[in-house]
N, C-alpha and C. Protein backbone atom coordinates (compact mmCIF):
# COMPACT_ATOMS: atom_id res chain seq x y z
N UNK A 1 112.56 15.59 118.24
CA UNK A 1 111.97 15.05 119.37
C UNK A 1 111.41 16.01 120.29
N UNK A 2 110.25 15.76 120.81
CA UNK A 2 109.49 16.75 121.60
C UNK A 2 109.72 16.28 123.10
N UNK A 3 109.49 17.20 123.98
CA UNK A 3 109.60 17.01 125.36
C UNK A 3 108.45 16.13 125.78
N UNK A 4 108.62 15.14 126.47
CA UNK A 4 107.51 14.06 127.08
C UNK A 4 107.23 14.47 128.32
N UNK A 5 105.94 14.78 128.50
CA UNK A 5 105.37 15.15 130.00
C UNK A 5 104.72 13.85 130.49
N UNK A 6 105.03 13.53 131.70
CA UNK A 6 104.43 12.41 132.30
C UNK A 6 103.40 12.88 133.33
N UNK A 7 102.39 12.13 133.41
CA UNK A 7 101.12 12.57 134.23
C UNK A 7 100.99 11.23 135.21
N UNK A 8 100.59 11.54 136.43
CA UNK A 8 100.19 10.45 137.31
C UNK A 8 99.54 11.18 138.61
N UNK A 9 98.84 10.23 139.19
CA UNK A 9 98.19 10.54 140.60
C UNK A 9 98.74 9.71 141.59
N UNK A 10 99.00 10.21 142.75
CA UNK A 10 99.52 9.56 143.90
C UNK A 10 99.28 10.22 145.02
N UNK A 11 99.31 9.25 146.17
CA UNK A 11 98.99 9.64 147.59
C UNK A 11 100.21 10.20 148.16
N UNK A 12 100.10 11.31 148.92
CA UNK A 12 101.30 11.79 149.64
C UNK A 12 101.46 11.06 150.99
N UNK A 13 102.72 10.67 151.07
CA UNK A 13 102.97 9.92 152.40
C UNK A 13 104.26 10.66 153.08
N UNK A 14 104.42 10.30 154.45
CA UNK A 14 105.35 10.93 155.10
C UNK A 14 106.44 9.92 155.54
N UNK A 15 107.82 10.32 155.39
CA UNK A 15 108.93 9.44 155.86
C UNK A 15 108.76 9.22 157.29
N UNK A 16 108.95 7.91 157.57
CA UNK A 16 108.94 7.66 159.26
C UNK A 16 110.03 8.45 159.85
N UNK A 17 109.46 8.68 161.11
CA UNK A 17 110.53 9.47 161.93
C UNK A 17 110.06 10.97 162.07
N UNK A 18 110.98 11.80 162.73
CA UNK A 18 110.61 13.08 162.92
C UNK A 18 111.05 14.13 161.95
N UNK A 19 111.58 13.62 160.80
CA UNK A 19 112.18 14.44 159.69
C UNK A 19 111.13 15.37 159.12
N UNK A 20 109.92 14.66 158.83
CA UNK A 20 108.78 15.50 158.28
C UNK A 20 108.87 15.53 156.75
N UNK A 21 109.73 14.68 156.06
CA UNK A 21 109.68 15.00 154.73
C UNK A 21 108.48 14.19 154.08
N UNK A 22 107.88 14.80 152.99
CA UNK A 22 106.72 14.14 152.33
C UNK A 22 107.07 13.75 151.00
N UNK A 23 106.51 12.63 150.52
CA UNK A 23 107.01 12.00 149.25
C UNK A 23 105.65 11.47 148.61
N UNK A 24 105.80 11.24 147.23
CA UNK A 24 104.88 10.37 146.56
C UNK A 24 105.55 9.38 145.69
N UNK A 25 105.08 8.29 145.47
CA UNK A 25 105.60 7.11 144.82
C UNK A 25 105.16 6.91 143.35
N UNK A 26 106.12 6.89 142.37
CA UNK A 26 105.84 6.49 141.02
C UNK A 26 105.45 5.01 141.02
N UNK A 27 104.57 4.60 140.17
CA UNK A 27 104.19 3.13 139.91
C UNK A 27 105.49 2.47 139.31
N UNK A 28 105.53 1.31 139.45
CA UNK A 28 106.63 0.47 138.75
C UNK A 28 106.71 0.69 137.30
N UNK A 29 105.50 0.65 136.73
CA UNK A 29 105.46 0.78 135.18
C UNK A 29 105.94 2.13 134.89
N UNK A 30 105.58 3.21 135.45
CA UNK A 30 105.89 4.48 135.20
C UNK A 30 107.41 4.70 135.40
N UNK A 31 107.93 4.17 136.44
CA UNK A 31 109.54 4.25 136.82
C UNK A 31 110.24 3.67 135.77
N UNK A 32 109.78 2.49 135.22
CA UNK A 32 110.48 1.85 134.07
C UNK A 32 110.41 2.71 132.72
N UNK A 33 109.44 3.32 132.49
CA UNK A 33 109.19 4.16 131.41
C UNK A 33 110.17 5.38 131.46
N UNK A 34 110.19 5.96 132.63
CA UNK A 34 111.10 7.07 132.78
C UNK A 34 112.51 6.76 132.79
N UNK A 35 112.94 5.48 133.15
CA UNK A 35 114.30 5.15 133.04
C UNK A 35 114.79 5.05 131.66
N UNK A 36 113.90 4.73 130.68
CA UNK A 36 114.17 4.44 129.33
C UNK A 36 114.71 5.75 128.51
N UNK A 37 114.24 6.94 129.03
CA UNK A 37 114.53 8.22 128.48
C UNK A 37 115.51 9.21 129.30
N UNK A 38 115.62 8.85 130.66
CA UNK A 38 116.39 9.55 131.47
C UNK A 38 117.76 9.17 131.74
N UNK A 39 118.66 10.01 132.20
CA UNK A 39 120.00 9.57 132.46
C UNK A 39 120.37 9.73 133.89
N UNK A 40 120.33 8.62 134.73
CA UNK A 40 120.48 8.80 136.15
C UNK A 40 121.95 9.40 136.49
N UNK A 41 122.01 10.10 137.66
CA UNK A 41 123.34 10.54 138.05
C UNK A 41 123.45 10.19 139.57
N UNK A 42 124.64 10.31 140.06
CA UNK A 42 124.81 10.14 141.51
C UNK A 42 124.32 8.71 141.98
N UNK A 43 123.40 8.60 142.83
CA UNK A 43 122.91 7.32 143.43
C UNK A 43 121.80 6.89 142.57
N UNK A 44 121.56 7.23 141.35
CA UNK A 44 120.51 6.84 140.48
C UNK A 44 119.35 7.84 140.40
N UNK A 45 119.85 9.11 140.75
CA UNK A 45 118.74 10.21 140.74
C UNK A 45 118.38 10.65 139.15
N UNK A 46 117.29 11.14 139.06
CA UNK A 46 116.85 11.68 137.75
C UNK A 46 116.40 13.10 137.87
N UNK A 47 116.99 13.98 137.30
CA UNK A 47 116.53 15.39 137.37
C UNK A 47 115.22 15.69 136.58
N UNK A 48 114.29 16.20 137.25
CA UNK A 48 112.91 16.45 136.55
C UNK A 48 112.43 17.91 136.92
N UNK A 49 111.45 18.38 136.05
CA UNK A 49 110.83 19.55 136.32
C UNK A 49 109.37 19.19 136.70
N UNK A 50 108.89 19.69 137.74
CA UNK A 50 107.61 19.12 138.28
C UNK A 50 106.56 20.28 138.36
N UNK A 51 105.27 19.99 138.04
CA UNK A 51 104.25 21.07 138.20
C UNK A 51 103.06 20.31 139.02
N UNK A 52 102.71 20.92 140.12
CA UNK A 52 101.60 20.51 140.85
C UNK A 52 100.55 21.75 141.08
N UNK A 53 99.38 21.70 140.63
CA UNK A 53 98.50 22.73 140.67
C UNK A 53 99.11 23.89 139.93
N UNK A 54 99.36 25.02 140.72
CA UNK A 54 99.96 26.34 140.07
C UNK A 54 101.42 26.41 140.40
N UNK A 55 102.04 25.42 141.01
CA UNK A 55 103.58 25.50 141.34
C UNK A 55 104.28 24.59 140.33
N UNK A 56 105.54 25.16 139.98
CA UNK A 56 106.51 24.38 139.23
C UNK A 56 107.99 24.62 139.74
N UNK A 57 108.61 23.43 139.93
CA UNK A 57 109.98 23.49 140.47
C UNK A 57 110.68 22.42 139.81
N UNK A 58 112.06 22.54 140.14
CA UNK A 58 113.03 21.36 139.73
C UNK A 58 113.38 20.59 141.01
N UNK A 59 113.42 19.33 140.80
CA UNK A 59 113.77 18.43 141.80
C UNK A 59 114.36 17.06 141.16
N UNK A 60 114.49 16.04 141.96
CA UNK A 60 114.92 14.75 141.44
C UNK A 60 114.03 13.55 141.95
N UNK A 61 114.02 12.59 141.00
CA UNK A 61 113.26 11.31 141.42
C UNK A 61 114.35 10.53 142.02
N UNK A 62 114.06 9.91 143.23
CA UNK A 62 115.07 9.09 143.94
C UNK A 62 114.52 7.51 143.76
N UNK A 63 115.56 6.63 143.51
CA UNK A 63 115.18 5.30 143.52
C UNK A 63 115.05 4.62 144.87
N UNK A 64 113.87 3.93 144.93
CA UNK A 64 113.50 3.43 146.34
C UNK A 64 113.54 1.81 146.17
N UNK A 65 114.58 1.23 146.87
CA UNK A 65 114.59 -0.08 146.57
C UNK A 65 113.66 -1.11 147.34
N UNK A 66 112.91 -0.38 148.31
CA UNK A 66 111.77 -1.15 149.06
C UNK A 66 110.68 -1.32 148.13
N UNK A 67 110.35 -0.31 147.22
CA UNK A 67 109.19 -0.39 146.35
C UNK A 67 109.69 -0.77 145.02
N UNK A 68 111.01 -0.69 144.64
CA UNK A 68 111.40 -0.85 143.30
C UNK A 68 110.85 0.13 142.26
N UNK A 69 110.83 1.28 142.80
CA UNK A 69 110.22 2.34 141.89
C UNK A 69 110.87 3.70 142.34
N UNK A 70 110.50 4.79 141.71
CA UNK A 70 111.02 6.12 141.95
C UNK A 70 110.15 6.78 142.95
N UNK A 71 110.72 7.60 143.83
CA UNK A 71 109.91 8.51 144.73
C UNK A 71 110.20 9.88 144.56
N UNK A 72 109.38 10.75 144.82
CA UNK A 72 109.71 12.19 144.70
C UNK A 72 109.18 13.04 145.85
N UNK A 73 109.95 13.95 146.54
CA UNK A 73 109.79 14.61 147.62
C UNK A 73 108.85 15.91 147.18
N UNK A 74 108.04 16.24 148.08
CA UNK A 74 107.18 17.56 147.88
C UNK A 74 107.60 18.48 149.03
N UNK A 75 108.24 19.58 148.66
CA UNK A 75 108.86 20.50 149.61
C UNK A 75 107.81 21.09 150.48
N UNK A 76 108.00 21.50 151.61
CA UNK A 76 107.15 22.13 152.52
C UNK A 76 106.51 23.41 151.96
N UNK A 77 107.36 24.29 151.37
CA UNK A 77 106.83 25.60 150.80
C UNK A 77 105.78 25.34 149.72
N UNK A 78 105.94 24.22 149.02
CA UNK A 78 105.05 23.84 147.94
C UNK A 78 103.72 23.30 148.50
N UNK A 79 103.86 22.47 149.49
CA UNK A 79 102.74 21.85 150.29
C UNK A 79 101.90 22.82 150.91
N UNK A 80 102.62 23.91 151.57
CA UNK A 80 101.85 24.85 152.28
C UNK A 80 101.09 25.89 151.11
N UNK A 81 101.76 26.19 150.25
CA UNK A 81 101.24 27.12 149.12
C UNK A 81 99.99 26.48 148.42
N UNK A 82 99.98 25.12 148.12
CA UNK A 82 98.99 24.48 147.34
C UNK A 82 98.07 23.80 148.30
N UNK A 83 98.24 23.79 149.64
CA UNK A 83 97.33 23.07 150.52
C UNK A 83 97.32 21.64 150.41
N UNK A 84 98.53 21.03 150.28
CA UNK A 84 98.79 19.68 150.20
C UNK A 84 99.24 18.95 151.58
N UNK A 85 98.52 17.86 151.91
CA UNK A 85 98.65 17.35 153.22
C UNK A 85 98.96 15.79 153.18
N UNK A 86 99.43 15.19 154.22
CA UNK A 86 99.71 13.77 154.17
C UNK A 86 98.32 13.08 153.83
N UNK A 87 98.44 11.98 153.09
CA UNK A 87 97.32 11.09 152.54
C UNK A 87 96.48 11.77 151.43
N UNK A 88 96.84 13.01 151.19
CA UNK A 88 96.07 13.54 149.97
C UNK A 88 96.51 12.96 148.56
N UNK A 89 95.51 12.78 147.69
CA UNK A 89 95.82 12.16 146.35
C UNK A 89 95.88 13.31 145.42
N UNK A 90 96.91 13.52 144.80
CA UNK A 90 97.25 14.75 144.03
C UNK A 90 97.64 14.32 142.57
N UNK A 91 97.38 15.16 141.64
CA UNK A 91 97.83 14.85 140.21
C UNK A 91 99.04 15.70 140.03
N UNK A 92 100.01 14.98 139.45
CA UNK A 92 101.47 15.60 139.21
C UNK A 92 101.74 15.58 137.71
N UNK A 93 102.40 16.46 137.17
CA UNK A 93 103.06 16.45 135.93
C UNK A 93 104.54 16.77 135.99
N UNK A 94 105.33 16.00 135.27
CA UNK A 94 106.77 16.18 135.24
C UNK A 94 107.36 15.82 134.02
N UNK A 95 108.63 16.34 133.68
CA UNK A 95 109.37 15.91 132.51
C UNK A 95 110.80 15.89 132.71
N UNK A 96 111.54 15.13 132.11
CA UNK A 96 112.95 14.88 132.25
C UNK A 96 113.57 16.23 131.70
N UNK A 97 114.41 16.87 132.71
CA UNK A 97 115.33 17.96 132.38
C UNK A 97 116.21 17.83 131.20
N UNK A 98 116.31 18.99 130.50
CA UNK A 98 117.11 18.91 129.26
C UNK A 98 118.10 20.09 129.40
N UNK A 99 119.22 19.72 128.90
CA UNK A 99 120.34 20.70 128.97
C UNK A 99 120.66 21.19 127.47
N UNK A 100 121.01 22.47 127.29
CA UNK A 100 121.29 23.09 126.01
C UNK A 100 122.83 23.21 126.02
N UNK A 101 123.63 23.01 125.01
CA UNK A 101 124.90 23.21 124.97
C UNK A 101 125.32 23.78 123.71
N UNK A 102 126.45 24.61 123.60
CA UNK A 102 127.05 25.13 122.43
C UNK A 102 128.01 24.21 122.01
N UNK A 103 127.97 24.00 120.70
CA UNK A 103 129.01 23.14 119.99
C UNK A 103 129.79 23.81 118.95
N UNK A 104 131.05 23.80 119.06
CA UNK A 104 131.97 24.42 117.99
C UNK A 104 132.44 23.31 117.15
N UNK A 105 131.87 23.04 116.12
CA UNK A 105 132.08 21.85 115.26
C UNK A 105 133.41 22.13 114.40
N UNK A 106 134.20 20.91 114.35
CA UNK A 106 135.36 20.80 113.45
C UNK A 106 135.28 19.63 112.61
N UNK A 107 134.74 19.70 111.37
CA UNK A 107 134.62 18.63 110.53
C UNK A 107 135.86 18.27 109.81
N UNK A 108 135.94 17.14 108.98
CA UNK A 108 137.15 16.74 108.32
C UNK A 108 138.39 16.61 109.18
N UNK A 109 138.20 16.32 110.42
CA UNK A 109 139.28 16.24 111.36
C UNK A 109 139.92 14.77 111.22
N UNK A 110 141.17 14.60 111.75
CA UNK A 110 141.82 13.37 111.52
C UNK A 110 141.34 12.29 112.66
N UNK A 111 140.98 12.92 113.82
CA UNK A 111 140.45 12.12 114.83
C UNK A 111 139.24 12.73 115.36
N UNK A 112 138.39 11.87 116.00
CA UNK A 112 137.09 12.46 116.66
C UNK A 112 137.43 12.67 118.05
N UNK A 113 136.87 13.76 118.57
CA UNK A 113 137.06 14.17 119.96
C UNK A 113 135.98 15.08 120.43
N UNK A 114 135.64 14.96 121.73
CA UNK A 114 134.73 16.00 122.42
C UNK A 114 135.50 16.54 123.41
N UNK A 115 135.72 17.84 123.43
CA UNK A 115 136.37 18.61 124.57
C UNK A 115 135.54 19.79 125.12
N UNK A 116 135.39 19.88 126.38
CA UNK A 116 134.64 20.86 127.03
C UNK A 116 135.57 22.15 127.03
N UNK A 117 135.12 23.26 126.43
CA UNK A 117 135.80 24.49 126.31
C UNK A 117 135.63 25.40 127.57
N UNK A 118 134.35 25.85 127.76
CA UNK A 118 134.09 26.75 128.92
C UNK A 118 132.61 26.77 129.19
N UNK A 119 132.26 27.32 130.40
CA UNK A 119 130.95 27.43 130.71
C UNK A 119 130.31 28.69 130.20
N UNK A 120 130.97 29.88 129.98
CA UNK A 120 130.22 30.97 129.41
C UNK A 120 131.15 31.54 128.41
N UNK A 121 130.61 32.22 127.38
CA UNK A 121 131.36 32.77 126.32
C UNK A 121 130.42 33.23 125.15
N UNK A 122 131.03 33.46 123.91
CA UNK A 122 130.43 33.88 122.81
C UNK A 122 129.57 32.94 122.13
N UNK A 123 128.30 33.21 121.74
CA UNK A 123 127.54 32.31 121.06
C UNK A 123 126.96 32.92 119.91
N UNK A 124 126.45 32.19 119.08
CA UNK A 124 125.83 32.76 117.73
C UNK A 124 124.59 33.61 117.89
N UNK A 125 124.41 34.47 116.96
CA UNK A 125 123.42 35.43 116.91
C UNK A 125 121.78 34.83 116.89
N UNK A 126 121.73 33.60 116.48
CA UNK A 126 120.27 32.93 116.47
C UNK A 126 120.18 32.34 117.76
N UNK A 127 120.90 32.50 118.85
CA UNK A 127 120.49 31.95 120.02
C UNK A 127 119.49 32.59 120.84
N UNK A 128 119.29 33.84 120.80
CA UNK A 128 118.34 34.58 121.74
C UNK A 128 116.99 34.00 121.80
N UNK A 129 116.54 33.28 120.57
CA UNK A 129 115.26 32.78 120.46
C UNK A 129 115.06 31.64 121.35
N UNK A 130 116.15 31.13 121.92
CA UNK A 130 116.17 29.69 122.70
C UNK A 130 115.97 30.28 124.15
N UNK A 131 116.06 31.42 124.53
CA UNK A 131 115.91 32.01 125.85
C UNK A 131 114.52 32.24 126.11
N UNK A 132 114.05 32.16 127.40
CA UNK A 132 112.62 32.53 127.68
C UNK A 132 112.45 34.00 127.26
N UNK A 133 111.14 34.38 127.03
CA UNK A 133 110.84 35.70 126.65
C UNK A 133 111.39 36.80 127.49
N UNK A 134 111.08 36.57 128.80
CA UNK A 134 111.61 37.70 129.89
C UNK A 134 113.11 37.92 129.76
N UNK A 135 113.84 36.89 129.19
CA UNK A 135 115.33 37.18 129.21
C UNK A 135 115.73 37.75 127.80
N UNK A 136 114.99 37.74 126.80
CA UNK A 136 115.44 38.28 125.44
C UNK A 136 115.97 39.59 125.58
N UNK A 137 115.34 40.58 126.11
CA UNK A 137 115.70 41.97 126.18
C UNK A 137 117.10 42.02 126.72
N UNK A 138 117.34 41.30 127.98
CA UNK A 138 118.55 41.34 128.56
C UNK A 138 119.77 40.79 127.70
N UNK A 139 119.24 39.69 126.98
CA UNK A 139 120.36 38.99 126.17
C UNK A 139 120.77 39.88 125.05
N UNK A 140 119.75 40.62 124.50
CA UNK A 140 120.20 41.57 123.41
C UNK A 140 121.18 42.69 123.77
N UNK A 141 121.02 43.01 125.15
CA UNK A 141 121.85 44.16 125.62
C UNK A 141 123.39 43.77 125.77
N UNK A 142 123.60 42.41 125.98
CA UNK A 142 124.98 42.03 126.28
C UNK A 142 125.70 41.63 125.00
N UNK A 143 125.17 41.85 123.88
CA UNK A 143 125.87 41.42 122.59
C UNK A 143 127.31 42.37 122.50
N UNK A 144 128.35 41.69 122.12
CA UNK A 144 129.45 42.29 121.93
C UNK A 144 130.14 41.64 120.61
N UNK A 145 131.26 42.37 120.07
CA UNK A 145 131.88 41.74 118.88
C UNK A 145 133.13 41.19 119.30
N UNK A 146 133.27 39.80 118.89
CA UNK A 146 134.46 39.02 119.36
C UNK A 146 135.65 39.40 118.45
N UNK A 147 135.28 39.49 117.19
CA UNK A 147 136.20 40.06 116.24
C UNK A 147 135.37 40.59 114.98
N UNK A 148 135.83 41.46 114.15
CA UNK A 148 135.14 41.99 113.01
C UNK A 148 134.52 40.89 112.24
N UNK A 149 133.26 41.18 111.95
CA UNK A 149 132.53 40.25 111.00
C UNK A 149 132.05 38.97 111.74
N UNK A 150 132.14 38.86 113.08
CA UNK A 150 131.67 37.62 113.76
C UNK A 150 130.91 38.20 115.15
N UNK A 151 129.62 38.45 114.88
CA UNK A 151 128.83 38.77 116.11
C UNK A 151 128.79 37.82 117.19
N UNK A 152 128.80 38.15 118.45
CA UNK A 152 128.79 37.21 119.44
C UNK A 152 128.03 37.67 120.72
N UNK A 153 127.80 36.80 121.70
CA UNK A 153 126.98 37.28 122.79
C UNK A 153 127.77 36.85 123.94
N UNK A 154 128.09 37.96 124.91
CA UNK A 154 128.73 37.75 126.12
C UNK A 154 127.64 37.28 127.19
N UNK A 155 127.92 36.21 127.81
CA UNK A 155 126.74 35.67 128.78
C UNK A 155 127.27 36.07 130.22
N UNK A 156 128.06 36.89 130.48
CA UNK A 156 128.61 37.19 131.97
C UNK A 156 127.38 37.66 132.75
N UNK A 157 126.34 38.17 132.11
CA UNK A 157 125.29 38.78 133.07
C UNK A 157 124.05 38.02 132.74
N UNK A 158 124.08 36.83 132.11
CA UNK A 158 122.93 36.09 131.82
C UNK A 158 122.97 34.70 132.62
N UNK A 159 122.00 34.44 133.25
CA UNK A 159 121.99 33.21 134.03
C UNK A 159 121.62 32.09 132.97
N UNK A 160 122.54 31.15 132.80
CA UNK A 160 122.27 30.04 131.80
C UNK A 160 123.08 28.77 132.06
N UNK A 161 122.59 27.64 131.57
CA UNK A 161 123.25 26.45 131.92
C UNK A 161 124.05 26.05 130.72
N UNK A 162 124.26 26.90 129.65
CA UNK A 162 125.06 26.77 128.45
C UNK A 162 126.46 26.56 128.69
N UNK A 163 126.98 25.45 128.11
CA UNK A 163 128.32 25.13 128.17
C UNK A 163 128.81 24.89 126.80
N UNK A 164 130.10 25.33 126.48
CA UNK A 164 130.58 25.11 125.10
C UNK A 164 131.52 23.90 125.00
N UNK A 165 131.39 23.25 123.82
CA UNK A 165 132.20 21.97 123.66
C UNK A 165 132.81 22.13 122.23
N UNK A 166 133.91 21.69 122.03
CA UNK A 166 134.57 21.56 120.74
C UNK A 166 134.43 20.15 120.29
N UNK A 167 133.77 19.85 119.19
CA UNK A 167 133.59 18.49 118.82
C UNK A 167 134.32 18.30 117.30
N UNK A 168 135.15 17.43 117.34
CA UNK A 168 135.92 17.08 116.08
C UNK A 168 135.39 15.69 115.58
N UNK A 169 135.06 15.72 114.26
CA UNK A 169 134.54 14.41 113.59
C UNK A 169 135.16 14.40 112.16
N UNK A 170 135.40 13.20 111.75
CA UNK A 170 136.14 12.88 110.42
C UNK A 170 135.17 13.21 109.35
N UNK A 171 133.83 13.19 109.58
CA UNK A 171 132.86 13.37 108.28
C UNK A 171 132.98 14.74 107.73
N UNK A 172 132.70 14.89 106.56
CA UNK A 172 132.69 16.17 105.95
C UNK A 172 131.28 16.85 105.94
N UNK A 173 131.08 18.16 106.16
CA UNK A 173 129.83 18.79 106.28
C UNK A 173 129.03 18.88 104.96
N UNK A 174 128.77 17.64 104.56
CA UNK A 174 127.92 17.47 103.37
C UNK A 174 126.73 16.61 103.59
N UNK A 175 125.60 17.00 103.18
CA UNK A 175 124.39 16.04 103.28
C UNK A 175 124.07 15.76 104.80
N UNK A 176 124.60 16.60 105.73
CA UNK A 176 124.16 16.33 107.05
C UNK A 176 125.01 15.32 107.76
N UNK A 177 126.13 14.85 106.98
CA UNK A 177 126.96 13.73 107.74
C UNK A 177 127.64 14.27 108.96
N UNK A 178 128.17 15.42 108.93
CA UNK A 178 128.88 15.95 110.02
C UNK A 178 127.89 16.22 111.28
N UNK A 179 126.75 16.68 111.00
CA UNK A 179 125.89 16.77 112.09
C UNK A 179 125.50 15.51 112.72
N UNK A 180 125.36 14.46 111.94
CA UNK A 180 125.01 13.20 112.40
C UNK A 180 126.13 12.49 113.31
N UNK A 181 127.40 12.74 112.84
CA UNK A 181 128.44 12.36 113.46
C UNK A 181 128.74 12.95 114.71
N UNK A 182 128.45 14.44 114.79
CA UNK A 182 128.57 15.12 116.08
C UNK A 182 127.42 14.67 116.97
N UNK A 183 126.25 14.21 116.53
CA UNK A 183 125.19 13.87 117.41
C UNK A 183 125.65 12.46 118.08
N UNK A 184 126.16 11.72 117.38
CA UNK A 184 126.79 10.35 117.89
C UNK A 184 127.79 10.66 118.83
N UNK A 185 128.76 11.54 118.48
CA UNK A 185 129.95 11.70 119.34
C UNK A 185 129.40 12.31 120.79
N UNK A 186 128.38 13.22 120.73
CA UNK A 186 127.88 13.84 122.05
C UNK A 186 127.16 12.73 122.81
N UNK A 187 126.46 11.82 122.02
CA UNK A 187 125.82 10.67 122.80
C UNK A 187 126.74 9.76 123.51
N UNK A 188 127.81 9.49 122.73
CA UNK A 188 128.80 8.74 123.54
C UNK A 188 129.47 9.42 124.66
N UNK A 189 129.70 10.77 124.49
CA UNK A 189 130.42 11.56 125.46
C UNK A 189 129.64 11.64 126.82
N UNK A 190 128.20 11.87 126.58
CA UNK A 190 127.35 12.08 127.68
C UNK A 190 126.60 10.72 128.10
N UNK A 191 126.93 9.58 127.41
CA UNK A 191 126.40 8.36 127.80
C UNK A 191 124.95 8.27 127.73
N UNK A 192 124.40 8.74 126.67
CA UNK A 192 123.15 8.74 126.38
C UNK A 192 122.68 8.09 124.99
N UNK A 193 121.55 7.83 124.78
CA UNK A 193 121.12 7.26 123.39
C UNK A 193 121.16 8.44 122.51
N UNK A 194 121.60 8.13 121.18
CA UNK A 194 121.57 9.23 120.12
C UNK A 194 120.20 9.99 119.89
N UNK A 195 119.26 9.13 120.16
CA UNK A 195 117.84 9.83 120.11
C UNK A 195 117.62 10.87 121.22
N UNK A 196 118.47 11.01 122.19
CA UNK A 196 118.25 11.97 123.27
C UNK A 196 119.05 13.21 123.06
N UNK A 197 119.86 13.24 121.92
CA UNK A 197 120.50 14.42 121.44
C UNK A 197 120.00 15.05 120.26
N UNK A 198 119.58 16.36 120.30
CA UNK A 198 118.99 17.07 119.28
C UNK A 198 119.56 18.29 118.84
N UNK A 199 119.76 18.47 117.53
CA UNK A 199 120.31 19.76 117.08
C UNK A 199 119.21 20.78 117.03
N UNK A 200 119.42 21.89 117.85
CA UNK A 200 118.52 22.92 117.80
C UNK A 200 118.73 24.03 116.87
N UNK A 201 119.91 24.44 116.60
CA UNK A 201 120.07 25.47 115.66
C UNK A 201 121.59 25.34 115.15
N UNK A 202 121.79 25.96 114.04
CA UNK A 202 123.23 26.04 113.34
C UNK A 202 123.53 24.76 112.62
N UNK A 203 122.48 24.23 111.94
CA UNK A 203 122.78 23.08 111.07
C UNK A 203 123.85 23.32 109.96
N UNK A 204 123.91 24.47 109.58
CA UNK A 204 124.87 24.85 108.38
C UNK A 204 126.10 25.57 108.91
N UNK A 205 126.19 25.74 110.25
CA UNK A 205 127.15 26.56 110.87
C UNK A 205 128.16 25.88 111.60
N UNK A 206 129.39 26.33 111.85
CA UNK A 206 130.33 25.59 112.74
C UNK A 206 130.00 25.73 114.20
N UNK A 207 129.17 26.81 114.48
CA UNK A 207 128.71 27.08 115.90
C UNK A 207 127.22 26.57 116.01
N UNK A 208 126.95 25.65 116.81
CA UNK A 208 125.67 24.98 116.88
C UNK A 208 125.13 25.04 118.28
N UNK A 209 123.88 24.64 118.50
CA UNK A 209 123.22 24.53 119.76
C UNK A 209 122.53 23.09 119.90
N UNK A 210 123.00 22.22 120.74
CA UNK A 210 122.38 20.92 120.89
C UNK A 210 121.59 20.91 122.19
N UNK A 211 120.64 20.02 122.22
CA UNK A 211 119.80 19.78 123.48
C UNK A 211 120.03 18.30 123.82
N UNK A 212 120.22 18.15 125.13
CA UNK A 212 120.37 16.72 125.59
C UNK A 212 119.47 16.41 126.78
N UNK A 213 118.73 15.39 126.56
CA UNK A 213 117.76 15.01 127.55
C UNK A 213 118.32 14.30 128.64
N UNK A 214 117.78 14.49 129.80
CA UNK A 214 118.09 13.80 131.09
C UNK A 214 119.31 14.42 131.90
N UNK A 215 119.59 15.70 131.55
CA UNK A 215 120.74 16.47 132.27
C UNK A 215 120.15 17.55 132.90
């Protein structure tokens, strides 16, 4: 599954009153399309990464009952930097945020379960390729040995959203059955469609990296 980028043009409008917040509205059609692949949180918000001209930032889409669609705020620093003003029609690009997690797999288990283990810890040596290029050098420096014969990576000095989970499934690690079961278990745990859960690395290892869309 590749990351889907949404494109749209919209007119900037200002929230009534003295608050000074500026927004753009998504069309009803686009809002329905986004809902199909996103996972709302809180009061129906959707986390997204937005690009306008030369600026990129992370924000949220807000459900607007009046228009029955999503709206998105444009922060003042962004508007000032890019020269965006009320009533301007601007082109926007955005994608649903994705979260990467570490999974410690336990196949051939008697019962199925998903347990959050920790927010930071040791991860497999194949993970640095998942980090941005500017972080790779720093990632390499914090390698440590958890125990002899098992290289690991301490993430104490690396800013990351990686969280580790222990996933037990009944299926055996044969023919990809265990990975498929883990995918379904994670989808159920995070309340998303199985198609939004993707195995990134570690297909034949007990320590894996999964990507979940909409988080």
